[in-house]
Each structure stands twice: as structure tokens, then as C-alpha cells.
Amino acid sequence: MPDIMRKNTLHITLLFLLAIALPCHAEIIRGDNGENVNWTFNTNTGEFSLFGSGTKWESDSTQSLPWYDYLGEIRNIHIASDVSYIGAWAFAGCVKLTTFTLPSSVKRVGTGILYNTGGINEPVYNDSIFLYLPTNYSGPYVLPEGPRCIAGGAFFGCSELTTVKIPDTYTEIGEYAFSNCKKMMTITIKGNVKEIAAGTFDECSSLKAPKLPDSITRIGENAFSGCVSFTSFVIPNGTEEIGEKAFALCAKLSSVRFPSSIQKICAHAFVYCDELHSVNIPNTSCKLERSSFPYHCTVTYK
């Protein structure tokens, strides 16, 4: 080999070894919400931090997040102990995320905080909120005692989850909390829950009709839509309102028992319930909105 080629080869090799030996220069991206909540992202380590003397970061959608461009690169998330609220979809789409710790200071969260994230393999919760169960979880699950709230979307897409038990410490279940849990057959709710929120059990196609506690006052929009295994359902005593499309597409549902407390059944609440041919409402003052029941369903009052 000519000397010049040998020297060039040696020079290139030394440059390569030097390059891999030295750490890459990390760029620290920073931002704030103008209300004393700040964030940083380290482009080298993938470390994201949310901190400050403020209490929250609110967002309407993932796209509106100021760190949207970095979601796919975030590996670890640190929430400081002075943050008390995290807005909806804050870290949805962090497909490389492996570490997330929820400090006890966080008392409220929006929907879908960890929707469509990556390699978190353990449940995430603190003493107030159950935030997330990994979507690859398989089998029955008993929620930990202590928290009072199941976050919106906490179990979304846990397609191998089979049964769930909710202890009596829980008083709130967020929107779409169990949506698309395709193999979940039973759920036991022991807590003093006031509402089945919008989409809570949407598309839970294997779910058998649960016995809801009498503390329930409202069943929200799309709460049980697409629960095609329902054949009968007992609306709990104390329930006053059934939201729009709450039982839509429950194609096998043939029997529904309403309590005397029922005040309002919203539009299309039982749309596409093909087997529901008659219902009795024990409250003559109950308001029925447009197409509350299928056109073939006979409604009587007693």
C-alpha cells in the first residue's frame, strides 16, 4: 500500500476512534408556559423534565404541545415534585419512552397522558391517581388500594386484559379508561363512583354487563358503546341521566331495567340495539331526546 494511502487510512481511523470516544454535544431544548411551568429536553440522552413553581401544563391536543417535535425521541420523563396537574395527551406518542415516575404532588391529570407510548413495563400510579397499565399486560388485574381516581385512557387498548377489580377507595373513572379492552370479560366496581364517564368501556366487546354501584348518577356518552356481549343491563338506582350513544351498537342487548330516579335519556342512547324491542320507564317525567331508542322499540311508562 502506498505511504500516502497508509497515512490517510491511519488518519481516518484515528478520527473515527476519537469521534466515538468523545460524547456527542447535547442540545438542551427549553420552554415555558408563561405561568411558571418549565420544560427541558436533552437531545442526547432523551431526558425530558417538567418543573417549576406553577401547577400545570394544559394542552388541547398532542399537536398543540410545545414539545410535539420531540415526542418520538423522549426516553425518560421526570416530573418535578412541585407540579400538581398534567394536561391531556401530554406525552402521547412517546414510542421510545421507558421510564416515567408520577410524583405524589400530581393530584389531577387529563386524558391519555401516556397513550401510545413505548417500553414502560410497570403500572404507573401514585397515592391519588392510577395513571397507566402497560398495553401488553395479560390476565386479571386488581387495582392498588389508595388512589381515588383512574385516569382517562389508563387501560386503553389493553387487549389481553381479562378481568378487573376496582377497590372501594376509587371515586372517579376517567374518560375512555377501559376503551378497547377487547378480552375483558368482567369488571367489579366497589368504589363510590359517581359517573361512568364518556367512552369508559367503549368497544369492550367481551364484557358482560357489570353490576354498577348505586352511587352512579350519570352514564356518559358512548360509555358502553360497542359492548356487543351485553344481553341485559340494570341501570343502578340513583342514576338520573344516560348520555348520547351510551349503549350504541350493543347489538344483543334485549332487556334494560331503569330506576325511578331516571330523569333524562339523551339522543341515540340505544341506537343500533337491534334486539331491544320494548322498555318500561318508571318515571313519567323522564325526558326522552331524539331517537333515544331504536325505531322498533316500544316505550311504556309505569
Protein backbone atom coordinates (compact mmCIF):
# COMPACT_ATOMS: atom_id res chain seq x y z
CA MET A 1 0.00 0.00 0.00
CA PRO A 2 1.47 3.43 -0.91
CA ASP A 3 2.59 5.54 2.04
CA ILE A 4 0.05 8.27 1.28
CA MET A 5 -2.84 5.77 1.39
CA ARG A 6 -1.48 4.24 4.58
CA LYS A 7 -1.25 7.66 6.21
CA ASN A 8 -4.78 8.61 5.08
CA THR A 9 -6.17 5.31 6.36
CA LEU A 10 -4.48 5.82 9.72
CA HIS A 11 -5.74 9.40 9.88
CA ILE A 12 -9.35 8.38 9.15
CA THR A 13 -9.16 5.55 11.70
CA LEU A 14 -7.90 7.93 14.39
CA LEU A 15 -10.66 10.43 13.60
CA PHE A 16 -13.28 7.67 13.84
CA LEU A 17 -11.95 6.40 17.17
CA LEU A 18 -11.84 9.95 18.50
CA ALA A 19 -15.40 10.58 17.38
CA ILE A 20 -16.84 7.55 19.12
CA ALA A 21 -14.73 8.10 22.24
CA LEU A 22 -15.96 11.65 22.79
CA PRO A 23 -19.57 12.23 23.91
CA CYS A 24 -21.86 13.91 21.43
CA HIS A 25 -22.70 17.51 22.12
CA ALA A 26 -26.16 17.57 23.68
CA GLU A 27 -28.59 20.29 22.77
CA ILE A 28 -30.88 21.31 25.63
CA ILE A 29 -34.25 22.49 24.37
CA ARG A 30 -36.14 24.72 26.82
CA GLY A 31 -39.61 26.23 27.10
CA ASP A 32 -42.26 27.50 29.48
CA ASN A 33 -45.98 28.18 29.52
CA GLY A 34 -45.76 31.71 30.87
CA GLU A 35 -47.20 30.54 34.19
CA ASN A 36 -44.04 29.36 35.90
CA VAL A 37 -44.11 25.85 34.49
CA ASN A 38 -40.98 24.98 32.54
CA TRP A 39 -39.66 22.07 30.50
CA THR A 40 -36.36 20.90 29.11
CA PHE A 41 -35.39 18.17 26.66
CA ASN A 42 -31.88 16.76 26.27
CA THR A 43 -31.46 15.67 22.64
CA ASN A 44 -28.52 13.42 23.53
CA THR A 45 -29.99 11.43 26.44
CA GLY A 46 -33.68 11.70 25.59
CA GLU A 47 -34.36 13.06 29.07
CA PHE A 48 -37.44 15.28 29.43
CA SER A 49 -38.18 17.32 32.56
CA LEU A 50 -41.30 19.23 33.59
CA PHE A 51 -40.88 21.54 36.56
CA GLY A 52 -41.49 24.97 38.08
CA SER A 53 -43.43 26.83 40.73
CA GLY A 54 -46.63 26.72 38.68
CA THR A 55 -49.09 23.88 38.94
CA LYS A 56 -49.87 22.58 35.48
CA TRP A 57 -49.37 22.32 31.77
CA GLU A 58 -52.61 22.33 29.81
CA SER A 59 -52.99 21.17 26.19
CA ASP A 60 -55.92 20.65 23.85
CA SER A 61 -54.19 18.02 21.72
CA THR A 62 -50.83 16.39 21.15
CA GLN A 63 -50.18 18.69 18.20
CA SER A 64 -50.53 21.76 20.41
CA LEU A 65 -47.77 20.64 22.76
CA PRO A 66 -44.65 22.82 22.55
CA TRP A 67 -42.50 19.66 22.69
CA TYR A 68 -44.52 17.93 19.95
CA ASP A 69 -41.49 17.72 17.61
CA TYR A 70 -39.56 15.71 20.21
CA LEU A 71 -42.22 13.20 21.33
CA GLY A 72 -40.71 10.40 19.25
CA GLU A 73 -37.28 10.89 20.87
CA ILE A 74 -38.20 11.14 24.55
CA ARG A 75 -36.86 8.15 26.55
CA ASN A 76 -37.22 9.25 30.15
CA ILE A 77 -39.61 11.70 31.78
CA HIS A 78 -39.06 13.46 35.08
CA ILE A 79 -41.95 15.34 36.68
CA ALA A 80 -40.83 17.63 39.47
CA SER A 81 -42.48 17.49 42.89
CA ASP A 82 -43.99 20.97 42.51
CA VAL A 83 -46.22 20.04 39.56
CA SER A 84 -49.80 19.16 40.59
CA TYR A 85 -51.61 18.78 37.24
CA ILE A 86 -50.66 17.39 33.82
CA GLY A 87 -52.86 18.22 30.83
CA ALA A 88 -54.40 15.80 28.33
CA TRP A 89 -52.20 13.92 25.83
CA ALA A 90 -49.05 15.43 27.35
CA PHE A 91 -46.79 12.52 26.39
CA ALA A 92 -48.95 10.55 23.96
CA GLY A 93 -46.85 9.11 21.16
CA CYS A 94 -43.57 8.83 23.10
CA VAL A 95 -42.81 5.50 21.44
CA LYS A 96 -39.30 5.28 22.92
CA LEU A 97 -40.36 6.05 26.47
CA THR A 98 -39.08 3.57 29.06
CA THR A 99 -39.16 5.50 32.36
CA PHE A 100 -41.92 7.61 33.88
CA THR A 101 -42.42 8.39 37.56
CA LEU A 102 -45.56 10.11 38.83
CA PRO A 103 -44.74 12.19 41.93
CA SER A 104 -47.22 12.39 44.78
CA SER A 105 -47.66 16.11 44.10
CA VAL A 106 -49.70 15.33 40.95
CA LYS A 107 -53.36 15.20 42.02
CA ARG A 108 -55.14 15.61 38.66
CA VAL A 109 -54.37 14.61 35.08
CA GLY A 110 -56.05 14.94 31.70
CA THR A 111 -56.95 12.08 29.37
CA GLY A 112 -54.41 9.95 27.52
CA ILE A 113 -51.21 11.16 29.20
CA LEU A 114 -49.29 8.00 28.17
CA TYR A 115 -51.38 6.92 25.19
CA ASN A 116 -49.39 5.08 22.50
CA THR A 117 -46.12 5.11 24.44
CA GLY A 118 -43.28 2.64 24.23
CA GLY A 119 -41.46 0.46 26.71
CA ILE A 120 -42.99 1.19 30.11
CA ASN A 121 -43.39 -2.26 31.63
CA GLU A 122 -44.82 -1.46 35.06
CA PRO A 123 -48.10 0.17 36.17
CA VAL A 124 -47.78 3.90 36.86
CA TYR A 125 -49.65 5.41 39.81
CA ASN A 126 -49.26 7.47 42.96
CA ASP A 127 -51.40 7.78 46.08
CA SER A 128 -54.05 9.81 44.23
CA ILE A 129 -54.17 8.57 40.63
CA PHE A 130 -53.84 5.30 38.76
CA LEU A 131 -52.37 6.58 35.51
CA TYR A 132 -51.37 3.69 33.26
CA LEU A 133 -51.27 -0.06 32.77
CA PRO A 134 -48.92 -1.30 30.02
CA THR A 135 -50.88 -2.38 26.97
CA ASN A 136 -49.05 -5.72 26.84
CA TYR A 137 -50.42 -6.73 30.25
CA SER A 138 -52.18 -10.08 30.12
CA GLY A 139 -54.70 -11.68 32.51
CA PRO A 140 -56.67 -10.39 35.52
CA TYR A 141 -55.74 -7.18 37.32
CA VAL A 142 -56.63 -5.81 40.77
CA LEU A 143 -56.05 -2.09 41.11
CA PRO A 144 -53.99 -0.97 44.10
CA GLU A 145 -55.83 0.40 47.12
CA GLY A 146 -55.23 4.03 47.94
CA PRO A 147 -55.71 6.05 44.74
CA ARG A 148 -59.15 7.60 44.27
CA CYS A 149 -59.03 8.21 40.52
CA ILE A 150 -58.44 6.10 37.40
CA ALA A 151 -57.06 8.43 34.76
CA GLY A 152 -58.71 8.81 31.39
CA GLY A 153 -57.29 6.22 28.99
CA ALA A 154 -55.41 4.40 31.77
CA PHE A 155 -56.20 0.92 30.38
CA PHE A 156 -56.88 1.93 26.78
CA GLY A 157 -56.03 -0.85 24.35
CA CYS A 158 -55.04 -3.46 26.97
CA SER A 159 -56.28 -6.14 24.61
CA GLU A 160 -55.14 -9.12 26.74
CA LEU A 161 -56.66 -7.87 30.00
CA THR A 162 -59.36 -10.33 31.14
CA THR A 163 -60.86 -9.17 34.46
CA VAL A 164 -60.56 -6.04 36.61
CA LYS A 165 -61.36 -5.34 40.26
CA ILE A 166 -61.61 -1.74 41.47
CA PRO A 167 -61.31 -1.30 45.28
CA ASP A 168 -63.62 0.94 47.26
CA THR A 169 -61.08 3.77 47.55
CA TYR A 170 -61.87 4.88 44.00
CA THR A 171 -64.45 7.60 43.38
CA GLU A 172 -63.66 8.58 39.78
CA ILE A 173 -63.07 6.77 36.49
CA GLY A 174 -61.84 8.95 33.63
CA GLU A 175 -62.94 9.08 30.01
CA TYR A 176 -62.09 6.05 27.85
CA ALA A 177 -60.35 4.45 30.83
CA PHE A 178 -61.02 0.87 29.63
CA SER A 179 -61.78 1.53 25.97
CA ASN A 180 -60.78 -1.21 23.53
CA CYS A 181 -60.05 -3.82 26.19
CA LYS A 182 -61.27 -6.47 23.77
CA LYS A 183 -60.86 -9.52 26.04
CA MET A 184 -62.01 -8.02 29.31
CA MET A 185 -64.99 -10.12 30.39
CA THR A 186 -65.81 -8.83 33.87
CA ILE A 187 -65.20 -5.73 35.95
CA THR A 188 -66.03 -5.22 39.62
CA ILE A 189 -66.53 -1.65 40.82
CA LYS A 190 -66.67 -1.34 44.61
CA GLY A 191 -65.91 2.33 44.98
CA ASN A 192 -68.22 5.29 45.48
CA VAL A 193 -68.03 6.21 41.79
CA LYS A 194 -70.45 8.95 40.73
CA GLU A 195 -70.27 8.67 36.95
CA ILE A 196 -69.39 6.28 34.18
CA ALA A 197 -67.59 8.84 32.02
CA ALA A 198 -67.63 9.20 28.26
CA GLY A 199 -66.30 6.16 26.44
CA THR A 200 -65.24 4.38 29.63
CA PHE A 201 -65.99 0.89 28.26
CA ASP A 202 -66.23 1.74 24.58
CA GLU A 203 -65.58 -1.28 22.32
CA CYS A 204 -65.14 -3.74 25.18
CA SER A 205 -66.57 -6.47 23.01
CA SER A 206 -66.21 -9.37 25.51
CA LEU A 207 -67.51 -7.51 28.55
CA LYS A 208 -70.53 -8.93 30.36
CA ALA A 209 -72.89 -6.33 31.80
CA PRO A 210 -71.35 -5.18 35.10
CA LYS A 211 -73.30 -4.54 38.29
CA LEU A 212 -72.80 -0.86 38.87
CA PRO A 213 -72.93 0.70 42.35
CA ASP A 214 -75.96 2.77 43.32
CA SER A 215 -73.67 5.78 43.73
CA ILE A 216 -73.76 6.24 39.93
CA THR A 217 -75.83 9.29 38.93
CA ARG A 218 -74.86 9.51 35.25
CA ILE A 219 -73.79 7.19 32.44
CA GLY A 220 -71.86 9.28 29.94
CA GLU A 221 -71.66 9.50 26.16
CA ASN A 222 -70.54 6.27 24.47
CA ALA A 223 -69.87 4.78 27.91
CA PHE A 224 -70.78 1.23 26.80
CA SER A 225 -70.96 1.66 23.03
CA GLY A 226 -69.92 -1.43 21.11
CA CYS A 227 -70.29 -3.77 24.10
CA VAL A 228 -71.70 -6.47 21.86
CA SER A 229 -71.80 -9.17 24.57
CA PHE A 230 -74.46 -7.37 26.61
CA THR A 231 -77.82 -9.17 26.63
CA SER A 232 -79.39 -7.36 29.59
CA PHE A 233 -78.49 -4.36 31.70
CA VAL A 234 -79.66 -2.95 35.03
CA ILE A 235 -79.31 0.80 35.34
CA PRO A 236 -78.41 1.38 39.01
CA ASN A 237 -80.73 3.08 41.46
CA GLY A 238 -79.91 6.76 41.68
CA THR A 239 -78.97 7.17 38.02
CA GLU A 240 -80.55 10.33 36.63
CA GLU A 241 -79.15 10.63 33.10
CA ILE A 242 -77.97 8.40 30.27
CA GLY A 243 -75.73 10.18 27.77
CA GLU A 244 -75.80 10.26 23.99
CA LYS A 245 -74.97 6.89 22.37
CA ALA A 246 -74.21 5.44 25.81
CA PHE A 247 -75.29 1.95 24.68
CA ALA A 248 -74.96 2.38 20.93
CA LEU A 249 -74.20 -0.75 18.92
CA CYS A 250 -74.97 -3.13 21.79
CA ALA A 251 -76.49 -5.39 19.17
CA LYS A 252 -77.51 -8.26 21.51
CA LEU A 253 -78.99 -6.10 24.25
CA SER A 254 -82.62 -7.17 24.67
CA SER A 255 -83.52 -6.06 28.20
CA VAL A 256 -82.87 -2.84 30.13
CA ARG A 257 -84.22 -2.06 33.59
CA PHE A 258 -84.50 1.61 34.51
CA PRO A 259 -84.76 3.04 38.06
CA SER A 260 -87.40 5.51 39.14
CA SER A 261 -84.65 8.11 39.54
CA ILE A 262 -84.09 8.39 35.77
CA GLN A 263 -84.68 11.95 34.52
CA LYS A 264 -83.19 12.09 31.04
CA ILE A 265 -82.19 9.71 28.24
CA CYS A 266 -80.18 11.52 25.60
CA ALA A 267 -80.31 11.26 21.83
CA HIS A 268 -79.39 7.91 20.29
CA ALA A 269 -78.62 6.43 23.70
CA PHE A 270 -79.63 2.96 22.48
CA VAL A 271 -79.12 3.37 18.74
CA TYR A 272 -78.46 0.13 16.84
CA CYS A 273 -79.57 -2.03 19.76
CA ASP A 274 -81.29 -4.36 17.30
CA GLU A 275 -82.68 -6.80 19.89
CA LEU A 276 -84.18 -4.16 22.16
CA HIS A 277 -87.91 -4.29 21.33
CA SER A 278 -89.53 -2.85 24.46
CA VAL A 279 -88.62 -0.91 27.61
CA ASN A 280 -90.51 0.38 30.61
CA ILE A 281 -89.61 3.68 32.25
CA PRO A 282 -90.94 4.01 35.81
CA ASN A 283 -90.77 7.81 35.79
CA THR A 284 -93.40 9.55 33.65
CA SER A 285 -91.49 12.84 33.77
CA CYS A 286 -88.35 11.34 32.22
CA LYS A 287 -87.26 13.33 29.16
CA LEU A 288 -86.52 11.32 26.03
CA GLU A 289 -84.40 13.12 23.45
CA ARG A 290 -84.47 12.44 19.72
CA SER A 291 -84.21 8.75 18.83
CA SER A 292 -83.28 7.69 22.33
CA PHE A 293 -84.37 4.17 21.43
CA PRO A 294 -84.45 2.22 18.14
CA TYR A 295 -87.45 2.94 15.94
CA HIS A 296 -88.80 -0.57 16.54
CA CYS A 297 -88.65 -0.29 20.35
CA THR A 298 -91.90 0.27 22.28
CA VAL A 299 -91.58 2.60 25.27
CA THR A 300 -94.08 2.40 28.13
CA TYR A 301 -94.35 4.28 31.43
CA LYS A 302 -95.47 2.77 34.71
